[in-house]
Amino acid sequence: MRITADQILRDGEAQYPVIGAQVITDKSGQGVLIDEVTKGGAAEKGGLEKGDIVRRVDDRVVIDSPSLIVAIRAHVPGDEITLTVTRDGKELDVTLELDSKVG
């Protein structure tokens, strides 16, 4: 919150971190399903694919969309994060640099 307030006071707007993907909560409640990857966004550049299930962001467990948002917003645009995902039944780590969105 402090970063956001500082940005608004300094620049008149705030930027927040995004991964560049549309997500939905996986039906198992044990992750977040990547439903769409934004062309040219952080997710695509980092190697995320439609159908990946995000289980962790760095050391934070992801169980649903809100927990993914909280984990991402604990960072700032430009930070590098590691997502642990399940793809085709296998677990792998995907590292990406967070994009920003003005809001």
PDB file of N, CA and C in Angstrom:
ATOM      1  N   MET A   1       0.811  -1.197   0.000  1.00  0.00           N
ATOM      2  CA  MET A   1       0.000   0.000   0.000  1.00  0.00           C
ATOM      3  C   MET A   1       0.857   1.264   0.000  1.00  0.00           C
ATOM      4  N   ARG A   2       1.954   1.228   0.754  1.00  0.00           N
ATOM      5  CA  ARG A   2       2.799   2.409   0.829  1.00  0.00           C
ATOM      6  C   ARG A   2       3.408   2.733  -0.528  1.00  0.00           C
ATOM      7  N   ILE A   3       3.829   1.702  -1.250  1.00  0.00           N
ATOM      8  CA  ILE A   3       4.398   1.926  -2.586  1.00  0.00           C
ATOM      9  C   ILE A   3       3.362   2.590  -3.480  1.00  0.00           C
ATOM     10  N   THR A   4       2.121   2.085  -3.437  1.00  0.00           N
ATOM     11  CA  THR A   4       1.040   2.637  -4.256  1.00  0.00           C
ATOM     12  C   THR A   4       0.788   4.095  -3.886  1.00  0.00           C
ATOM     13  N   ALA A   5       0.711   4.394  -2.600  1.00  0.00           N
ATOM     14  CA  ALA A   5       0.476   5.776  -2.160  1.00  0.00           C
ATOM     15  C   ALA A   5       1.615   6.682  -2.610  1.00  0.00           C
ATOM     16  N   ASP A   6       2.842   6.229  -2.459  1.00  0.00           N
ATOM     17  CA  ASP A   6       3.997   7.025  -2.897  1.00  0.00           C
ATOM     18  C   ASP A   6       3.938   7.298  -4.395  1.00  0.00           C
ATOM     19  N   GLN A   7       3.567   6.296  -5.190  1.00  0.00           N
ATOM     20  CA  GLN A   7       3.485   6.474  -6.641  1.00  0.00           C
ATOM     21  C   GLN A   7       2.407   7.505  -6.996  1.00  0.00           C
ATOM     22  N   ILE A   8       1.270   7.430  -6.342  1.00  0.00           N
ATOM     23  CA  ILE A   8       0.175   8.364  -6.627  1.00  0.00           C
ATOM     24  C   ILE A   8       0.596   9.785  -6.270  1.00  0.00           C
ATOM     25  N   LEU A   9       1.223   9.952  -5.123  1.00  0.00           N
ATOM     26  CA  LEU A   9       1.664  11.284  -4.714  1.00  0.00           C
ATOM     27  C   LEU A   9       2.732  11.839  -5.650  1.00  0.00           C
ATOM     28  N   ARG A  10       3.649  10.972  -6.104  1.00  0.00           N
ATOM     29  CA  ARG A  10       4.756  11.398  -6.947  1.00  0.00           C
ATOM     30  C   ARG A  10       4.330  11.607  -8.405  1.00  0.00           C
ATOM     31  N   ASP A  11       3.581  10.634  -8.955  1.00  0.00           N
ATOM     32  CA  ASP A  11       3.291  10.636 -10.387  1.00  0.00           C
ATOM     33  C   ASP A  11       1.825  10.857 -10.745  1.00  0.00           C
ATOM     34  N   GLY A  12       0.949  10.824  -9.763  1.00  0.00           N
ATOM     35  CA  GLY A  12      -0.475  10.979 -10.033  1.00  0.00           C
ATOM     36  C   GLY A  12      -1.156   9.690 -10.461  1.00  0.00           C
ATOM     37  N   GLU A  13      -0.412   8.605 -10.483  1.00  0.00           N
ATOM     38  CA  GLU A  13      -0.976   7.298 -10.839  1.00  0.00           C
ATOM     39  C   GLU A  13      -0.113   6.208 -10.219  1.00  0.00           C
ATOM     40  N   ALA A  14      -0.686   5.027 -10.126  1.00  0.00           N
ATOM     41  CA  ALA A  14       0.048   3.903  -9.537  1.00  0.00           C
ATOM     42  C   ALA A  14       0.198   2.793 -10.559  1.00  0.00           C
ATOM     43  N   GLN A  15       1.336   2.122 -10.507  1.00  0.00           N
ATOM     44  CA  GLN A  15       1.567   0.947 -11.343  1.00  0.00           C
ATOM     45  C   GLN A  15       1.596  -0.266 -10.435  1.00  0.00           C
ATOM     46  N   TYR A  16       0.988  -1.331 -10.891  1.00  0.00           N
ATOM     47  CA  TYR A  16       1.037  -2.551 -10.109  1.00  0.00           C
ATOM     48  C   TYR A  16       1.538  -3.688 -10.978  1.00  0.00           C
ATOM     49  N   PRO A  17       2.117  -4.719 -10.355  1.00  0.00           N
ATOM     50  CA  PRO A  17       2.725  -5.808 -11.119  1.00  0.00           C
ATOM     51  C   PRO A  17       1.684  -6.764 -11.681  1.00  0.00           C
ATOM     52  N   VAL A  18       1.960  -7.268 -12.890  1.00  0.00           N
ATOM     53  CA  VAL A  18       1.098  -8.259 -13.540  1.00  0.00           C
ATOM     54  C   VAL A  18       1.965  -9.305 -14.228  1.00  0.00           C
ATOM     55  N   ILE A  19       1.387 -10.507 -14.410  1.00  0.00           N
ATOM     56  CA  ILE A  19       2.140 -11.557 -15.095  1.00  0.00           C
ATOM     57  C   ILE A  19       1.789 -11.652 -16.574  1.00  0.00           C
ATOM     58  N   GLY A  20       0.717 -10.988 -16.994  1.00  0.00           N
ATOM     59  CA  GLY A  20       0.354 -11.038 -18.406  1.00  0.00           C
ATOM     60  C   GLY A  20      -0.361 -12.313 -18.784  1.00  0.00           C
ATOM     61  N   ALA A  21      -1.326 -12.706 -17.951  1.00  0.00           N
ATOM     62  CA  ALA A  21      -2.110 -13.916 -18.237  1.00  0.00           C
ATOM     63  C   ALA A  21      -3.472 -13.804 -17.585  1.00  0.00           C
ATOM     64  N   GLN A  22      -4.459 -14.411 -18.214  1.00  0.00           N
ATOM     65  CA  GLN A  22      -5.786 -14.542 -17.610  1.00  0.00           C
ATOM     66  C   GLN A  22      -5.807 -15.883 -16.889  1.00  0.00           C
ATOM     67  N   VAL A  23      -6.352 -15.898 -15.688  1.00  0.00           N
ATOM     68  CA  VAL A  23      -6.345 -17.119 -14.886  1.00  0.00           C
ATOM     69  C   VAL A  23      -7.737 -17.421 -14.342  1.00  0.00           C
ATOM     70  N   ILE A  24      -7.945 -18.686 -14.011  1.00  0.00           N
ATOM     71  CA  ILE A  24      -9.144 -19.108 -13.294  1.00  0.00           C
ATOM     72  C   ILE A  24      -8.714 -20.103 -12.216  1.00  0.00           C
ATOM     73  N   THR A  25      -9.465 -20.129 -11.121  1.00  0.00           N
ATOM     74  CA  THR A  25      -9.133 -21.060 -10.052  1.00  0.00           C
ATOM     75  C   THR A  25      -9.326 -22.482 -10.559  1.00  0.00           C
ATOM     76  N   ASP A  26      -8.306 -23.304 -10.371  1.00  0.00           N
ATOM     77  CA  ASP A  26      -8.378 -24.713 -10.759  1.00  0.00           C
ATOM     78  C   ASP A  26      -9.459 -25.383  -9.927  1.00  0.00           C
ATOM     79  N   LYS A  27     -10.226 -26.259 -10.529  1.00  0.00           N
ATOM     80  CA  LYS A  27     -11.336 -26.915  -9.832  1.00  0.00           C
ATOM     81  C   LYS A  27     -10.893 -27.703  -8.610  1.00  0.00           C
ATOM     82  N   SER A  28      -9.646 -28.122  -8.555  1.00  0.00           N
ATOM     83  CA  SER A  28      -9.146 -28.887  -7.409  1.00  0.00           C
ATOM     84  C   SER A  28      -8.935 -28.002  -6.185  1.00  0.00           C
ATOM     85  N   GLY A  29      -8.894 -26.665  -6.384  1.00  0.00           N
ATOM     86  CA  GLY A  29      -8.611 -25.761  -5.284  1.00  0.00           C
ATOM     87  C   GLY A  29      -7.155 -25.793  -4.874  1.00  0.00           C
ATOM     88  N   GLN A  30      -6.309 -26.347  -5.729  1.00  0.00           N
ATOM     89  CA  GLN A  30      -4.893 -26.466  -5.411  1.00  0.00           C
ATOM     90  C   GLN A  30      -4.024 -25.710  -6.393  1.00  0.00           C
ATOM     91  N   GLY A  31      -4.556 -24.653  -6.933  1.00  0.00           N
ATOM     92  CA  GLY A  31      -3.771 -23.864  -7.862  1.00  0.00           C
ATOM     93  C   GLY A  31      -4.651 -22.993  -8.724  1.00  0.00           C
ATOM     94  N   VAL A  32      -4.008 -22.333  -9.670  1.00  0.00           N
ATOM     95  CA  VAL A  32      -4.692 -21.426 -10.583  1.00  0.00           C
ATOM     96  C   VAL A  32      -4.348 -21.821 -12.009  1.00  0.00           C
ATOM     97  N   LEU A  33      -5.359 -22.009 -12.820  1.00  0.00           N
ATOM     98  CA  LEU A  33      -5.204 -22.435 -14.204  1.00  0.00           C
ATOM     99  C   LEU A  33      -4.936 -21.232 -15.100  1.00  0.00           C
ATOM    100  N   ILE A  34      -3.872 -21.303 -15.899  1.00  0.00           N
ATOM    101  CA  ILE A  34      -3.597 -20.265 -16.896  1.00  0.00           C
ATOM    102  C   ILE A  34      -4.562 -20.501 -18.049  1.00  0.00           C
ATOM    103  N   ASP A  35      -5.497 -19.554 -18.229  1.00  0.00           N
ATOM    104  CA  ASP A  35      -6.536 -19.682 -19.248  1.00  0.00           C
ATOM    105  C   ASP A  35      -6.136 -19.016 -20.557  1.00  0.00           C
ATOM    106  N   GLU A  36      -5.327 -17.956 -20.446  1.00  0.00           N
ATOM    107  CA  GLU A  36      -4.879 -17.239 -21.643  1.00  0.00           C
ATOM    108  C   GLU A  36      -3.577 -16.526 -21.318  1.00  0.00           C
ATOM    109  N   VAL A  37      -2.637 -16.565 -22.238  1.00  0.00           N
ATOM    110  CA  VAL A  37      -1.350 -15.886 -22.079  1.00  0.00           C
ATOM    111  C   VAL A  37      -1.338 -14.690 -23.023  1.00  0.00           C
ATOM    112  N   THR A  38      -1.058 -13.513 -22.475  1.00  0.00           N
ATOM    113  CA  THR A  38      -1.039 -12.289 -23.263  1.00  0.00           C
ATOM    114  C   THR A  38       0.193 -12.270 -24.160  1.00  0.00           C
ATOM    115  N   LYS A  39      -0.035 -12.050 -25.447  1.00  0.00           N
ATOM    116  CA  LYS A  39       1.063 -12.019 -26.410  1.00  0.00           C
ATOM    117  C   LYS A  39       2.032 -10.904 -26.047  1.00  0.00           C
ATOM    118  N   GLY A  40       3.312 -11.270 -25.929  1.00  0.00           N
ATOM    119  CA  GLY A  40       4.354 -10.304 -25.612  1.00  0.00           C
ATOM    120  C   GLY A  40       4.470  -9.956 -24.137  1.00  0.00           C
ATOM    121  N   GLY A  41       3.617 -10.546 -23.300  1.00  0.00           N
ATOM    122  CA  GLY A  41       3.635 -10.247 -21.872  1.00  0.00           C
ATOM    123  C   GLY A  41       4.649 -11.085 -21.116  1.00  0.00           C
ATOM    124  N   ALA A  42       4.750 -10.813 -19.827  1.00  0.00           N
ATOM    125  CA  ALA A  42       5.719 -11.491 -18.969  1.00  0.00           C
ATOM    126  C   ALA A  42       5.521 -13.004 -18.980  1.00  0.00           C
ATOM    127  N   ALA A  43       4.276 -13.455 -18.927  1.00  0.00           N
ATOM    128  CA  ALA A  43       4.003 -14.896 -18.899  1.00  0.00           C
ATOM    129  C   ALA A  43       4.530 -15.580 -20.160  1.00  0.00           C
ATOM    130  N   GLU A  44       4.266 -14.984 -21.312  1.00  0.00           N
ATOM    131  CA  GLU A  44       4.752 -15.563 -22.571  1.00  0.00           C
ATOM    132  C   GLU A  44       6.276 -15.552 -22.627  1.00  0.00           C
ATOM    133  N   LYS A  45       6.865 -14.430 -22.250  1.00  0.00           N
ATOM    134  CA  LYS A  45       8.325 -14.323 -22.271  1.00  0.00           C
ATOM    135  C   LYS A  45       8.974 -15.326 -21.318  1.00  0.00           C
ATOM    136  N   GLY A  46       8.305 -15.593 -20.194  1.00  0.00           N
ATOM    137  CA  GLY A  46       8.846 -16.521 -19.212  1.00  0.00           C
ATOM    138  C   GLY A  46       8.590 -17.980 -19.534  1.00  0.00           C
ATOM    139  N   GLY A  47       7.689 -18.240 -20.487  1.00  0.00           N
ATOM    140  CA  GLY A  47       7.421 -19.617 -20.887  1.00  0.00           C
ATOM    141  C   GLY A  47       6.170 -20.238 -20.307  1.00  0.00           C
ATOM    142  N   LEU A  48       5.299 -19.456 -19.658  1.00  0.00           N
ATOM    143  CA  LEU A  48       4.025 -20.006 -19.198  1.00  0.00           C
ATOM    144  C   LEU A  48       3.168 -20.356 -20.412  1.00  0.00           C
ATOM    145  N   GLU A  49       2.359 -21.368 -20.269  1.00  0.00           N
ATOM    146  CA  GLU A  49       1.489 -21.811 -21.358  1.00  0.00           C
ATOM    147  C   GLU A  49       0.060 -21.954 -20.875  1.00  0.00           C
ATOM    148  N   LYS A  50      -0.876 -21.775 -21.793  1.00  0.00           N
ATOM    149  CA  LYS A  50      -2.276 -22.028 -21.489  1.00  0.00           C
ATOM    150  C   LYS A  50      -2.390 -23.475 -20.997  1.00  0.00           C
ATOM    151  N   GLY A  51      -3.104 -23.656 -19.882  1.00  0.00           N
ATOM    152  CA  GLY A  51      -3.263 -24.988 -19.319  1.00  0.00           C
ATOM    153  C   GLY A  51      -2.333 -25.267 -18.151  1.00  0.00           C
ATOM    154  N   ASP A  52      -1.285 -24.453 -17.983  1.00  0.00           N
ATOM    155  CA  ASP A  52      -0.417 -24.600 -16.808  1.00  0.00           C
ATOM    156  C   ASP A  52      -1.237 -24.320 -15.552  1.00  0.00           C
ATOM    157  N   ILE A  53      -0.905 -25.008 -14.479  1.00  0.00           N
ATOM    158  CA  ILE A  53      -1.544 -24.746 -13.194  1.00  0.00           C
ATOM    159  C   ILE A  53      -0.475 -24.197 -12.250  1.00  0.00           C
ATOM    160  N   VAL A  54      -0.664 -22.950 -11.831  1.00  0.00           N
ATOM    161  CA  VAL A  54       0.287 -22.296 -10.926  1.00  0.00           C
ATOM    162  C   VAL A  54       0.006 -22.788  -9.505  1.00  0.00           C
ATOM    163  N   ARG A  55       1.035 -23.344  -8.867  1.00  0.00           N
ATOM    164  CA  ARG A  55       0.924 -23.876  -7.500  1.00  0.00           C
ATOM    165  C   ARG A  55       1.610 -22.983  -6.468  1.00  0.00           C
ATOM    166  N   ARG A  56       2.672 -22.274  -6.909  1.00  0.00           N
ATOM    167  CA  ARG A  56       3.428 -21.425  -5.988  1.00  0.00           C
ATOM    168  C   ARG A  56       3.969 -20.205  -6.732  1.00  0.00           C
ATOM    169  N   VAL A  57       4.125 -19.118  -5.998  1.00  0.00           N
ATOM    170  CA  VAL A  57       4.873 -17.948  -6.450  1.00  0.00           C
ATOM    171  C   VAL A  57       5.992 -17.787  -5.439  1.00  0.00           C
ATOM    172  N   ASP A  58       7.204 -18.032  -5.879  1.00  0.00           N
ATOM    173  CA  ASP A  58       8.360 -18.068  -4.978  1.00  0.00           C
ATOM    174  C   ASP A  58       8.039 -19.040  -3.841  1.00  0.00           C
ATOM    175  N   ASP A  59       7.978 -18.567  -2.606  1.00  0.00           N
ATOM    176  CA  ASP A  59       7.717 -19.478  -1.491  1.00  0.00           C
ATOM    177  C   ASP A  59       6.269 -19.454  -1.017  1.00  0.00           C
ATOM    178  N   ARG A  60       5.389 -18.776  -1.751  1.00  0.00           N
ATOM    179  CA  ARG A  60       3.975 -18.669  -1.365  1.00  0.00           C
ATOM    180  C   ARG A  60       3.121 -19.692  -2.111  1.00  0.00           C
ATOM    181  N   VAL A  61       2.332 -20.425  -1.354  1.00  0.00           N
ATOM    182  CA  VAL A  61       1.413 -21.393  -1.945  1.00  0.00           C
ATOM    183  C   VAL A  61       0.247 -20.648  -2.582  1.00  0.00           C
ATOM    184  N   VAL A  62      -0.139 -21.084  -3.768  1.00  0.00           N
ATOM    185  CA  VAL A  62      -1.265 -20.500  -4.490  1.00  0.00           C
ATOM    186  C   VAL A  62      -2.387 -21.531  -4.512  1.00  0.00           C
ATOM    187  N   ILE A  63      -3.539 -21.171  -3.940  1.00  0.00           N
ATOM    188  CA  ILE A  63      -4.677 -22.095  -3.925  1.00  0.00           C
ATOM    189  C   ILE A  63      -5.838 -21.614  -4.778  1.00  0.00           C
ATOM    190  N   ASP A  64      -5.852 -20.295  -5.080  1.00  0.00           N
ATOM    191  CA  ASP A  64      -6.931 -19.723  -5.872  1.00  0.00           C
ATOM    192  C   ASP A  64      -6.462 -18.395  -6.471  1.00  0.00           C
ATOM    193  N   SER A  65      -7.324 -17.791  -7.283  1.00  0.00           N
ATOM    194  CA  SER A  65      -6.946 -16.536  -7.947  1.00  0.00           C
ATOM    195  C   SER A  65      -6.576 -15.426  -6.968  1.00  0.00           C
ATOM    196  N   PRO A  66      -7.352 -15.211  -5.881  1.00  0.00           N
ATOM    197  CA  PRO A  66      -6.952 -14.159  -4.943  1.00  0.00           C
ATOM    198  C   PRO A  66      -5.570 -14.394  -4.322  1.00  0.00           C
ATOM    199  N   SER A  67      -5.226 -15.637  -4.015  1.00  0.00           N
ATOM    200  CA  SER A  67      -3.909 -15.881  -3.427  1.00  0.00           C
ATOM    201  C   SER A  67      -2.791 -15.627  -4.441  1.00  0.00           C
ATOM    202  N   LEU A  68      -3.067 -15.838  -5.728  1.00  0.00           N
ATOM    203  CA  LEU A  68      -2.085 -15.512  -6.771  1.00  0.00           C
ATOM    204  C   LEU A  68      -1.894 -14.003  -6.846  1.00  0.00           C
ATOM    205  N   ILE A  69      -2.987 -13.258  -6.807  1.00  0.00           N
ATOM    206  CA  ILE A  69      -2.910 -11.798  -6.872  1.00  0.00           C
ATOM    207  C   ILE A  69      -2.127 -11.249  -5.688  1.00  0.00           C
ATOM    208  N   VAL A  70      -2.411 -11.747  -4.497  1.00  0.00           N
ATOM    209  CA  VAL A  70      -1.691 -11.295  -3.300  1.00  0.00           C
ATOM    210  C   VAL A  70      -0.197 -11.575  -3.431  1.00  0.00           C
ATOM    211  N   ALA A  71       0.150 -12.766  -3.908  1.00  0.00           N
ATOM    212  CA  ALA A  71       1.560 -13.135  -4.055  1.00  0.00           C
ATOM    213  C   ALA A  71       2.266 -12.245  -5.069  1.00  0.00           C
ATOM    214  N   ILE A  72       1.594 -11.924  -6.158  1.00  0.00           N
ATOM    215  CA  ILE A  72       2.192 -11.072  -7.186  1.00  0.00           C
ATOM    216  C   ILE A  72       2.317  -9.633  -6.694  1.00  0.00           C
ATOM    217  N   ARG A  73       1.289  -9.155  -6.014  1.00  0.00           N
ATOM    218  CA  ARG A  73       1.305  -7.756  -5.562  1.00  0.00           C
ATOM    219  C   ARG A  73       2.223  -7.515  -4.372  1.00  0.00           C
ATOM    220  N   ALA A  74       2.831  -8.569  -3.867  1.00  0.00           N
ATOM    221  CA  ALA A  74       3.866  -8.402  -2.841  1.00  0.00           C
ATOM    222  C   ALA A  74       5.168  -7.941  -3.488  1.00  0.00           C
ATOM    223  N   HIS A  75       5.156  -7.837  -4.821  1.00  0.00           N
ATOM    224  CA  HIS A  75       6.324  -7.425  -5.601  1.00  0.00           C
ATOM    225  C   HIS A  75       6.027  -6.116  -6.316  1.00  0.00           C
ATOM    226  N   VAL A  76       7.010  -5.628  -7.028  1.00  0.00           N
ATOM    227  CA  VAL A  76       6.843  -4.429  -7.848  1.00  0.00           C
ATOM    228  C   VAL A  76       7.168  -4.790  -9.293  1.00  0.00           C
ATOM    229  N   PRO A  77       6.634  -4.008 -10.245  1.00  0.00           N
ATOM    230  CA  PRO A  77       6.974  -4.256 -11.643  1.00  0.00           C
ATOM    231  C   PRO A  77       8.482  -4.296 -11.835  1.00  0.00           C
ATOM    232  N   GLY A  78       8.924  -5.269 -12.631  1.00  0.00           N
ATOM    233  CA  GLY A  78      10.356  -5.437 -12.887  1.00  0.00           C
ATOM    234  C   GLY A  78      10.997  -6.489 -12.010  1.00  0.00           C
ATOM    235  N   ASP A  79      10.329  -6.863 -10.904  1.00  0.00           N
ATOM    236  CA  ASP A  79      10.859  -7.941 -10.061  1.00  0.00           C
ATOM    237  C   ASP A  79      10.821  -9.256 -10.829  1.00  0.00           C
ATOM    238  N   GLU A  80      11.769 -10.111 -10.538  1.00  0.00           N
ATOM    239  CA  GLU A  80      11.794 -11.458 -11.110  1.00  0.00           C
ATOM    240  C   GLU A  80      11.183 -12.411 -10.081  1.00  0.00           C
ATOM    241  N   ILE A  81      10.227 -13.219 -10.529  1.00  0.00           N
ATOM    242  CA  ILE A  81       9.589 -14.196  -9.650  1.00  0.00           C
ATOM    243  C   ILE A  81       9.679 -15.577 -10.288  1.00  0.00           C
ATOM    244  N   THR A  82       9.552 -16.591  -9.456  1.00  0.00           N
ATOM    245  CA  THR A  82       9.536 -17.969  -9.942  1.00  0.00           C
ATOM    246  C   THR A  82       8.180 -18.577  -9.628  1.00  0.00           C
ATOM    247  N   LEU A  83       7.517 -19.061 -10.662  1.00  0.00           N
ATOM    248  CA  LEU A  83       6.239 -19.740 -10.511  1.00  0.00           C
ATOM    249  C   LEU A  83       6.479 -21.234 -10.608  1.00  0.00           C
ATOM    250  N   THR A  84       5.973 -21.974  -9.646  1.00  0.00           N
ATOM    251  CA  THR A  84       6.001 -23.427  -9.737  1.00  0.00           C
ATOM    252  C   THR A  84       4.676 -23.837 -10.351  1.00  0.00           C
ATOM    253  N   VAL A  85       4.745 -24.519 -11.491  1.00  0.00           N
ATOM    254  CA  VAL A  85       3.542 -24.896 -12.224  1.00  0.00           C
ATOM    255  C   VAL A  85       3.517 -26.397 -12.497  1.00  0.00           C
ATOM    256  N   THR A  86       2.322 -26.888 -12.711  1.00  0.00           N
ATOM    257  CA  THR A  86       2.145 -28.254 -13.183  1.00  0.00           C
ATOM    258  C   THR A  86       1.736 -28.170 -14.642  1.00  0.00           C
ATOM    259  N   ARG A  87       2.469 -28.892 -15.491  1.00  0.00           N
ATOM    260  CA  ARG A  87       2.193 -28.931 -16.931  1.00  0.00           C
ATOM    261  C   ARG A  87       2.265 -30.384 -17.360  1.00  0.00           C
ATOM    262  N   ASP A  88       1.189 -30.875 -17.937  1.00  0.00           N
ATOM    263  CA  ASP A  88       1.142 -32.262 -18.412  1.00  0.00           C
ATOM    264  C   ASP A  88       1.558 -33.245 -17.314  1.00  0.00           C
ATOM    265  N   GLY A  89       1.103 -32.971 -16.079  1.00  0.00           N
ATOM    266  CA  GLY A  89       1.383 -33.871 -14.969  1.00  0.00           C
ATOM    267  C   GLY A  89       2.756 -33.740 -14.347  1.00  0.00           C
ATOM    268  N   LYS A  90       3.578 -32.833 -14.872  1.00  0.00           N
ATOM    269  CA  LYS A  90       4.934 -32.652 -14.336  1.00  0.00           C
ATOM    270  C   LYS A  90       5.058 -31.270 -13.714  1.00  0.00           C
ATOM    271  N   GLU A  91       5.818 -31.190 -12.615  1.00  0.00           N
ATOM    272  CA  GLU A  91       6.050 -29.915 -11.956  1.00  0.00           C
ATOM    273  C   GLU A  91       7.323 -29.272 -12.502  1.00  0.00           C
ATOM    274  N   LEU A  92       7.249 -27.969 -12.777  1.00  0.00           N
ATOM    275  CA  LEU A  92       8.427 -27.241 -13.241  1.00  0.00           C
ATOM    276  C   LEU A  92       8.383 -25.806 -12.745  1.00  0.00           C
ATOM    277  N   ASP A  93       9.532 -25.163 -12.739  1.00  0.00           N
ATOM    278  CA  ASP A  93       9.635 -23.766 -12.334  1.00  0.00           C
ATOM    279  C   ASP A  93       9.785 -22.889 -13.566  1.00  0.00           C
ATOM    280  N   VAL A  94       9.036 -21.790 -13.559  1.00  0.00           N
ATOM    281  CA  VAL A  94       9.079 -20.811 -14.640  1.00  0.00           C
ATOM    282  C   VAL A  94       9.444 -19.471 -14.012  1.00  0.00           C
ATOM    283  N   THR A  95      10.506 -18.857 -14.499  1.00  0.00           N
ATOM    284  CA  THR A  95      10.937 -17.562 -13.976  1.00  0.00           C
ATOM    285  C   THR A  95      10.550 -16.483 -14.967  1.00  0.00           C
ATOM    286  N   LEU A  96       9.967 -15.393 -14.446  1.00  0.00           N
ATOM    287  CA  LEU A  96       9.592 -14.292 -15.319  1.00  0.00           C
ATOM    288  C   LEU A  96       9.783 -12.963 -14.613  1.00  0.00           C
ATOM    289  N   GLU A  97       9.879 -11.909 -15.413  1.00  0.00           N
ATOM    290  CA  GLU A  97       9.987 -10.556 -14.896  1.00  0.00           C
ATOM    291  C   GLU A  97       8.611  -9.906 -14.996  1.00  0.00           C
ATOM    292  N   LEU A  98       8.127  -9.396 -13.872  1.00  0.00           N
ATOM    293  CA  LEU A  98       6.781  -8.829 -13.820  1.00  0.00           C
ATOM    294  C   LEU A  98       6.639  -7.586 -14.691  1.00  0.00           C
ATOM    295  N   ASP A  99       5.537  -7.536 -15.435  1.00  0.00           N
ATOM    296  CA  ASP A  99       5.162  -6.351 -16.197  1.00  0.00           C
ATOM    297  C   ASP A  99       4.437  -5.394 -15.251  1.00  0.00           C
ATOM    298  N   SER A 100       4.028  -4.259 -15.775  1.00  0.00           N
ATOM    299  CA  SER A 100       3.254  -3.318 -14.967  1.00  0.00           C
ATOM    300  C   SER A 100       1.997  -2.893 -15.697  1.00  0.00           C
ATOM    301  N   LYS A 101       1.036  -2.473 -14.897  1.00  0.00           N
ATOM    302  CA  LYS A 101      -0.229  -1.954 -15.418  1.00  0.00           C
ATOM    303  C   LYS A 101      -0.575  -0.755 -14.562  1.00  0.00           C
ATOM    304  N   VAL A 102      -1.056   0.297 -15.188  1.00  0.00           N
ATOM    305  CA  VAL A 102      -1.454   1.497 -14.457  1.00  0.00           C
ATOM    306  C   VAL A 102      -2.886   1.292 -13.979  1.00  0.00           C
ATOM    307  N   GLY A 103      -3.103   1.617 -12.733  1.00  0.00           N
ATOM    308  CA  GLY A 103      -4.460   1.444 -12.197  1.00  0.00           C
ATOM    309  C   GLY A 103      -4.697   2.312 -11.011  1.00  0.00           C
TER     310      GLY A 103
END
